C-alpha atoms as a PDB file:
ATOM      1  CA  MET A   1      11.160  90.714  43.360  1.00  0.00           C
ATOM      2  CA  PRO A   2      10.706  91.674  39.903  1.00  0.00           C
ATOM      3  CA  ARG A   3      13.383  90.234  37.490  1.00  0.00           C
ATOM      4  CA  SER A   4      15.776  92.836  36.319  1.00  0.00           C
ATOM      5  CA  VAL A   5      15.531  94.021  32.698  1.00  0.00           C
ATOM      6  CA  SER A   6      18.060  96.273  31.141  1.00  0.00           C
ATOM      7  CA  PHE A   7      16.758  99.170  29.057  1.00  0.00           C
ATOM      8  CA  GLU A   8      19.335 100.569  26.762  1.00  0.00           C
ATOM      9  CA  ARG A   9      19.555 103.542  24.351  1.00  0.00           C
ATOM     10  CA  PRO A  10      22.907 102.994  22.537  1.00  0.00           C
ATOM     11  CA  THR A  11      23.864 104.460  19.138  1.00  0.00           C
ATOM     12  CA  PRO A  12      23.317 101.897  16.256  1.00  0.00           C
ATOM     13  CA  GLU A  13      26.891 101.657  15.562  1.00  0.00           C
ATOM     14  CA  ASN A  14      27.792 100.808  19.353  1.00  0.00           C
ATOM     15  CA  ALA A  15      25.047  98.269  20.132  1.00  0.00           C
ATOM     16  CA  ASP A  16      26.240  95.227  21.536  1.00  0.00           C
ATOM     17  CA  PHE A  17      23.977  92.202  20.769  1.00  0.00           C
ATOM     18  CA  SER A  18      26.311  89.522  22.123  1.00  0.00           C
ATOM     19  CA  ARG A  19      23.659  88.488  24.676  1.00  0.00           C
ATOM     20  CA  ILE A  20      19.967  89.585  24.206  1.00  0.00           C
ATOM     21  CA  ILE A  21      18.506  87.907  27.459  1.00  0.00           C
ATOM     22  CA  ASP A  22      16.641  90.416  29.520  1.00  0.00           C
ATOM     23  CA  ARG A  23      17.555  93.405  27.484  1.00  0.00           C
ATOM     24  CA  VAL A  24      15.548  96.024  25.393  1.00  0.00           C
ATOM     25  CA  LEU A  25      17.468  98.227  23.103  1.00  0.00           C
ATOM     26  CA  VAL A  26      15.745 101.436  21.608  1.00  0.00           C
ATOM     27  CA  PHE A  27      16.908 103.494  18.867  1.00  0.00           C
ATOM     28  CA  ASP A  28      15.431 106.716  17.695  1.00  0.00           C
ATOM     29  CA  ASP A  29      15.386 108.448  14.300  1.00  0.00           C
ATOM     30  CA  PHE A  30      17.012 105.347  12.777  1.00  0.00           C
ATOM     31  CA  PHE A  31      16.196 105.902   9.052  1.00  0.00           C
ATOM     32  CA  SER A  32      17.008 108.901   6.912  1.00  0.00           C
ATOM     33  CA  SER A  33      13.734 111.057   6.248  1.00  0.00           C
ATOM     34  CA  THR A  34      13.644 109.769   2.566  1.00  0.00           C
ATOM     35  CA  GLN A  35      13.897 106.173   3.553  1.00  0.00           C
ATOM     36  CA  LEU A  36      11.417 106.663   6.351  1.00  0.00           C
ATOM     37  CA  LEU A  37       8.892 108.456   3.978  1.00  0.00           C
ATOM     38  CA  LEU A  38       9.205 105.508   1.319  1.00  0.00           C
ATOM     39  CA  LEU A  39       8.607 102.945   4.162  1.00  0.00           C
ATOM     40  CA  GLU A  40       5.458 104.745   5.620  1.00  0.00           C
ATOM     41  CA  ARG A  41       4.006 105.275   2.335  1.00  0.00           C
ATOM     42  CA  TRP A  42       4.428 101.503   1.394  1.00  0.00           C
ATOM     43  CA  ALA A  43       3.108 100.420   4.766  1.00  0.00           C
ATOM     44  CA  LEU A  44       0.097 102.509   4.620  1.00  0.00           C
ATOM     45  CA  GLN A  45      -0.888 101.879   1.108  1.00  0.00           C
ATOM     46  CA  THR A  46      -0.122  98.136   1.075  1.00  0.00           C
ATOM     47  CA  PRO A  47      -3.014  96.003  -0.136  1.00  0.00           C
ATOM     48  CA  HIS A  48      -2.141  93.165   1.998  1.00  0.00           C
ATOM     49  CA  TRP A  49      -3.869  94.298   5.234  1.00  0.00           C
ATOM     50  CA  MET A  50      -6.274  92.012   6.671  1.00  0.00           C
ATOM     51  CA  LEU A  51      -7.367  90.551   9.998  1.00  0.00           C
ATOM     52  CA  ASN A  52      -4.487  87.935  10.178  1.00  0.00           C
ATOM     53  CA  ASN A  53      -2.595  88.689  13.360  1.00  0.00           C
ATOM     54  CA  ALA A  54      -4.278  86.398  16.196  1.00  0.00           C
ATOM     55  CA  VAL A  55      -3.172  85.227  19.524  1.00  0.00           C
ATOM     56  CA  PHE A  56      -5.098  82.404  21.279  1.00  0.00           C
ATOM     57  CA  ALA A  57      -5.182  81.099  24.978  1.00  0.00           C
ATOM     58  CA  ALA A  58      -3.976  77.687  25.623  1.00  0.00           C
ATOM     59  CA  ASP A  59      -7.591  76.447  25.492  1.00  0.00           C
ATOM     60  CA  GLY A  60      -8.131  77.824  22.139  1.00  0.00           C
ATOM     61  CA  ARG A  61     -10.073  80.990  22.942  1.00  0.00           C
ATOM     62  CA  MET A  62      -9.216  84.122  20.876  1.00  0.00           C
ATOM     63  CA  ARG A  63      -7.307  86.580  22.765  1.00  0.00           C
ATOM     64  CA  HIS A  64      -6.696  89.263  20.241  1.00  0.00           C
ATOM     65  CA  ARG A  65      -7.200  89.833  16.585  1.00  0.00           C
ATOM     66  CA  ILE A  66      -5.548  92.887  14.968  1.00  0.00           C
ATOM     67  CA  TRP A  67      -4.679  94.037  11.436  1.00  0.00           C
ATOM     68  CA  GLY A  68      -1.558  92.597   9.918  1.00  0.00           C
ATOM     69  CA  ALA A  69       0.206  91.424   6.803  1.00  0.00           C
ATOM     70  CA  SER A  70       2.523  88.420   6.968  1.00  0.00           C
ATOM     71  CA  TYR A  71       5.407  87.757   4.651  1.00  0.00           C
ATOM     72  CA  ILE A  72       6.893  84.691   6.340  1.00  0.00           C
ATOM     73  CA  ARG A  73       5.771  82.549   3.437  1.00  0.00           C
ATOM     74  CA  ALA A  74       7.513  84.789   0.877  1.00  0.00           C
ATOM     75  CA  TRP A  75      10.681  84.756   3.066  1.00  0.00           C
ATOM     76  CA  LYS A  76      10.480  80.820   3.221  1.00  0.00           C
ATOM     77  CA  GLU A  77      10.119  80.478  -0.498  1.00  0.00           C
ATOM     78  CA  GLY A  78      12.609  82.934  -1.655  1.00  0.00           C
ATOM     79  CA  GLY A  79      14.698  84.532   1.153  1.00  0.00           C
ATOM     80  CA  TRP A  80      15.191  88.188   1.864  1.00  0.00           C
ATOM     81  CA  SER A  81      15.002  89.220  -1.811  1.00  0.00           C
ATOM     82  CA  ALA A  82      11.385  87.770  -2.099  1.00  0.00           C
ATOM     83  CA  LEU A  83       9.957  90.457   0.164  1.00  0.00           C
ATOM     84  CA  PRO A  84       8.426  93.438  -1.035  1.00  0.00           C
ATOM     85  CA  PRO A  85      11.440  95.729  -2.045  1.00  0.00           C
ATOM     86  CA  THR A  86      10.812  98.613   0.265  1.00  0.00           C
ATOM     87  CA  LEU A  87      10.466  96.303   3.198  1.00  0.00           C
ATOM     88  CA  PHE A  88      13.696  94.166   2.166  1.00  0.00           C
ATOM     89  CA  SER A  89      15.666  97.539   1.714  1.00  0.00           C
ATOM     90  CA  SER A  90      14.615  98.756   4.963  1.00  0.00           C
ATOM     91  CA  ILE A  91      15.529  95.645   6.815  1.00  0.00           C
ATOM     92  CA  ALA A  92      18.681  95.245   5.164  1.00  0.00           C
ATOM     93  CA  ALA A  93      19.719  98.851   6.132  1.00  0.00           C
ATOM     94  CA  LEU A  94      18.637  98.046   9.783  1.00  0.00           C
ATOM     95  CA  PHE A  95      20.902  94.933   9.786  1.00  0.00           C
ATOM     96  CA  ARG A  96      23.856  96.754   8.392  1.00  0.00           C
ATOM     97  CA  ARG A  97      23.699  99.629  10.922  1.00  0.00           C
ATOM     98  CA  LEU A  98      23.082  97.317  13.959  1.00  0.00           C
ATOM     99  CA  ASN A  99      25.785  94.810  12.646  1.00  0.00           C
ATOM    100  CA  VAL A 100      23.214  92.077  13.396  1.00  0.00           C
ATOM    101  CA  MET A 101      21.166  89.793  11.374  1.00  0.00           C
ATOM    102  CA  ILE A 102      18.164  87.484  12.036  1.00  0.00           C
ATOM    103  CA  ASP A 103      19.000  84.603   9.660  1.00  0.00           C
ATOM    104  CA  GLU A 104      16.338  82.014  10.784  1.00  0.00           C
ATOM    105  CA  VAL A 105      13.115  83.959  10.556  1.00  0.00           C
ATOM    106  CA  GLN A 106      10.047  82.855  12.583  1.00  0.00           C
ATOM    107  CA  TYR A 107       7.778  85.745  11.615  1.00  0.00           C
ATOM    108  CA  ILE A 108       8.111  88.913   9.577  1.00  0.00           C
ATOM    109  CA  GLY A 109       5.358  91.249   8.797  1.00  0.00           C
ATOM    110  CA  LEU A 110       3.200  94.273   9.448  1.00  0.00           C
ATOM    111  CA  ASN A 111       0.847  94.972  12.553  1.00  0.00           C
ATOM    112  CA  GLY A 112      -1.682  97.565  12.649  1.00  0.00           C
ATOM    113  CA  GLN A 113      -3.868  98.864  15.391  1.00  0.00           C
ATOM    114  CA  LEU A 114      -6.831 101.212  15.484  1.00  0.00           C
ATOM    115  CA  ARG A 115      -8.579 102.592  18.451  1.00  0.00           C
ATOM    116  CA  GLY A 116      -9.853  99.854  20.751  1.00  0.00           C
ATOM    117  CA  GLN A 117      -7.517  97.172  19.344  1.00  0.00           C
ATOM    118  CA  ASP A 118      -5.140  96.722  22.368  1.00  0.00           C
ATOM    119  CA  ALA A 119      -3.140  93.398  21.854  1.00  0.00           C
ATOM    120  CA  SER A 120      -3.076  90.851  24.703  1.00  0.00           C
ATOM    121  CA  MET A 121       0.101  90.145  26.572  1.00  0.00           C
ATOM    122  CA  HIS A 122       2.216  87.442  24.962  1.00  0.00           C
ATOM    123  CA  THR A 123       5.741  86.141  24.362  1.00  0.00           C
ATOM    124  CA  ASP A 124       7.496  85.415  21.068  1.00  0.00           C
ATOM    125  CA  CYS A 125       9.729  82.585  22.164  1.00  0.00           C
ATOM    126  CA  ILE A 126      10.541  80.310  24.916  1.00  0.00           C
ATOM    127  CA  GLN A 127      11.802  81.739  28.163  1.00  0.00           C
ATOM    128  CA  ASP A 128      15.674  83.043  28.011  1.00  0.00           C
ATOM    129  CA  ALA A 129      16.310  81.677  24.585  1.00  0.00           C
ATOM    130  CA  SER A 130      19.857  82.908  24.132  1.00  0.00           C
ATOM    131  CA  ASN A 131      19.746  83.061  20.387  1.00  0.00           C
ATOM    132  CA  LEU A 132      16.218  84.351  19.654  1.00  0.00           C
ATOM    133  CA  MET A 133      15.438  88.339  19.262  1.00  0.00           C
ATOM    134  CA  SER A 134      12.526  90.374  18.371  1.00  0.00           C
ATOM    135  CA  ILE A 135      12.687  93.663  16.382  1.00  0.00           C
ATOM    136  CA  LEU A 136      10.021  96.353  15.995  1.00  0.00           C
ATOM    137  CA  ILE A 137      10.307  99.006  13.544  1.00  0.00           C
ATOM    138  CA  TYR A 138       7.704 101.761  14.470  1.00  0.00           C
ATOM    139  CA  ILE A 139       6.292 103.701  11.347  1.00  0.00           C
ATOM    140  CA  GLY A 140       3.153 105.252   9.845  1.00  0.00           C
ATOM    141  CA  GLU A 141       1.109 107.860  11.433  1.00  0.00           C
ATOM    142  CA  ASP A 142       2.275 109.925  14.432  1.00  0.00           C
ATOM    143  CA  THR A 143       0.067 108.573  17.318  1.00  0.00           C
ATOM    144  CA  ASN A 144       0.434 106.785  20.639  1.00  0.00           C
ATOM    145  CA  GLY A 145       0.145 103.234  21.911  1.00  0.00           C
ATOM    146  CA  ASP A 146       2.705 102.027  24.569  1.00  0.00           C
ATOM    147  CA  LEU A 147       4.589  98.795  24.379  1.00  0.00           C
ATOM    148  CA  GLN A 148       4.289  97.338  27.959  1.00  0.00           C
ATOM    149  CA  LEU A 149       6.732  94.872  29.196  1.00  0.00           C
ATOM    150  CA  PHE A 150       6.050  92.721  32.146  1.00  0.00           C
ATOM    151  CA  ASP A 151       7.953  90.501  34.617  1.00  0.00           C
ATOM    152  CA  LYS A 152       8.951  87.022  33.509  1.00  0.00           C
ATOM    153  CA  ASP A 153       8.127  85.410  36.669  1.00  0.00           C
ATOM    154  CA  ASP A 154       5.126  87.632  37.815  1.00  0.00           C
ATOM    155  CA  GLN A 155       3.236  88.711  34.645  1.00  0.00           C
ATOM    156  CA  GLN A 156       0.827  90.926  36.495  1.00  0.00           C
ATOM    157  CA  THR A 157       3.994  93.328  37.282  1.00  0.00           C
ATOM    158  CA  LEU A 158       4.473  95.913  34.682  1.00  0.00           C
ATOM    159  CA  LEU A 159       8.312  96.599  34.405  1.00  0.00           C
ATOM    160  CA  ASP A 160       8.358  99.619  32.041  1.00  0.00           C
ATOM    161  CA  ILE A 161       6.950 101.035  29.042  1.00  0.00           C
ATOM    162  CA  VAL A 162       8.248 102.147  25.605  1.00  0.00           C
ATOM    163  CA  PRO A 163       6.211 104.660  23.859  1.00  0.00           C
ATOM    164  CA  PHE A 164       5.275 104.463  20.230  1.00  0.00           C
ATOM    165  CA  ARG A 165       7.103 106.789  18.112  1.00  0.00           C
ATOM    166  CA  PRO A 166       7.480 106.715  14.173  1.00  0.00           C
ATOM    167  CA  ASN A 167      11.151 106.057  13.240  1.00  0.00           C
ATOM    168  CA  ARG A 168      11.985 104.159  16.538  1.00  0.00           C
ATOM    169  CA  ILE A 169      13.376 100.665  16.482  1.00  0.00           C
ATOM    170  CA  VAL A 170      12.912  98.467  19.591  1.00  0.00           C
ATOM    171  CA  ALA A 171      15.289  95.170  19.552  1.00  0.00           C
ATOM    172  CA  PHE A 172      14.557  92.907  22.434  1.00  0.00           C
ATOM    173  CA  ASP A 173      14.353  89.643  24.236  1.00  0.00           C
ATOM    174  CA  GLY A 174      11.188  88.324  22.773  1.00  0.00           C
ATOM    175  CA  SER A 175      10.688  86.143  25.893  1.00  0.00           C
ATOM    176  CA  ILE A 176       9.775  89.173  28.044  1.00  0.00           C
ATOM    177  CA  PRO A 177       5.962  89.321  28.158  1.00  0.00           C
ATOM    178  CA  HIS A 178       4.712  92.247  26.438  1.00  0.00           C
ATOM    179  CA  ARG A 179       1.744  93.830  24.571  1.00  0.00           C
ATOM    180  CA  ALA A 180       0.928  96.705  22.552  1.00  0.00           C
ATOM    181  CA  LEU A 181      -1.525  99.189  23.322  1.00  0.00           C
ATOM    182  CA  ALA A 182      -3.820 100.647  20.774  1.00  0.00           C
ATOM    183  CA  PRO A 183      -3.734 104.495  19.921  1.00  0.00           C
ATOM    184  CA  THR A 184      -6.249 106.611  21.706  1.00  0.00           C
ATOM    185  CA  ASN A 185      -7.137 108.753  18.667  1.00  0.00           C
ATOM    186  CA  ASP A 186      -8.365 107.837  15.245  1.00  0.00           C
ATOM    187  CA  SER A 187      -4.768 107.318  13.605  1.00  0.00           C
ATOM    188  CA  PHE A 188      -3.185 103.804  12.615  1.00  0.00           C
ATOM    189  CA  ARG A 189      -0.409 102.495  14.783  1.00  0.00           C
ATOM    190  CA  ILE A 190       1.758 100.347  12.650  1.00  0.00           C
ATOM    191  CA  SER A 191       4.839  98.276  13.208  1.00  0.00           C
ATOM    192  CA  ALA A 192       6.962  96.103  11.093  1.00  0.00           C
ATOM    193  CA  VAL A 193       8.044  93.005  12.935  1.00  0.00           C
ATOM    194  CA  VAL A 194      10.987  90.620  12.330  1.00  0.00           C
ATOM    195  CA  ARG A 195      11.810  87.971  14.977  1.00  0.00           C
ATOM    196  CA  GLY A 196      13.750  84.659  15.004  1.00  0.00           C
ATOM    197  CA  SER A 197      17.296  83.523  15.533  1.00  0.00           C
ATOM    198  CA  TYR A 198      19.973  86.031  15.042  1.00  0.00           C
ATOM    199  CA  ARG A 199      23.822  86.300  14.777  1.00  0.00           C
ATOM    200  CA  CYS A 200      26.185  89.046  15.035  1.00  0.00           C
ATOM    201  CA  LEU A 201      27.675  90.244  11.592  1.00  0.00           C
ATOM    202  CA  GLU A 202      31.287  90.279  10.492  1.00  0.00           C
ATOM    203  CA  VAL A 203      32.514  93.728   9.487  1.00  0.00           C
ATOM    204  CA  GLY A 204      31.518  94.383   5.799  1.00  0.00           C
ATOM    205  CA  GLN A 205      29.453  91.178   5.659  1.00  0.00           C
ATOM    206  CA  ARG A 206      26.421  91.672   3.065  1.00  0.00           C
ATOM    207  CA  ILE A 207      22.756  90.827   3.491  1.00  0.00           C
ATOM    208  CA  ASP A 208      21.645  88.872   0.452  1.00  0.00           C
END
């Protein structure tokens, strides 16, 4: 029997992140039109795109390689304020609205896929890690490319899909096996990604 996973669509202000295991939370129309426009323009025009997002099999074979831009080194050297200002302000706004913060980052960056660049199935962390969460920010061109989520105990079993849609936020248990399909047209599928250990914020707490 497939393992039960909860797919939820709460309002941002009422989202409960007290336990993320086996949960997927989806938020639509998250940013204001102005903030979304700034974020999309920055993501589409950033000069940092390169083939630097890779996943390898246990024996070292390449499983997928897609366009990406990593900011983990900048975060490690200078914290959130060392990120590109547009990315920093968007992530800060996201944390404030959701009342949650990823404070020990394992990865932060942009992923981009063109037609034919399906990502392989993977997990972001060890199974059932209670304090680890992955957050996807869907931005850029209006295209398709489902996020597929699979059973933890039988990775051949597809549990559900989350369609790609700009201005959609997906916060989930990163130990759920998943993969992002490429668009079927000539548009560019972009997601900003931040993942790592998280904590719920106190009321009024600032993101520095």
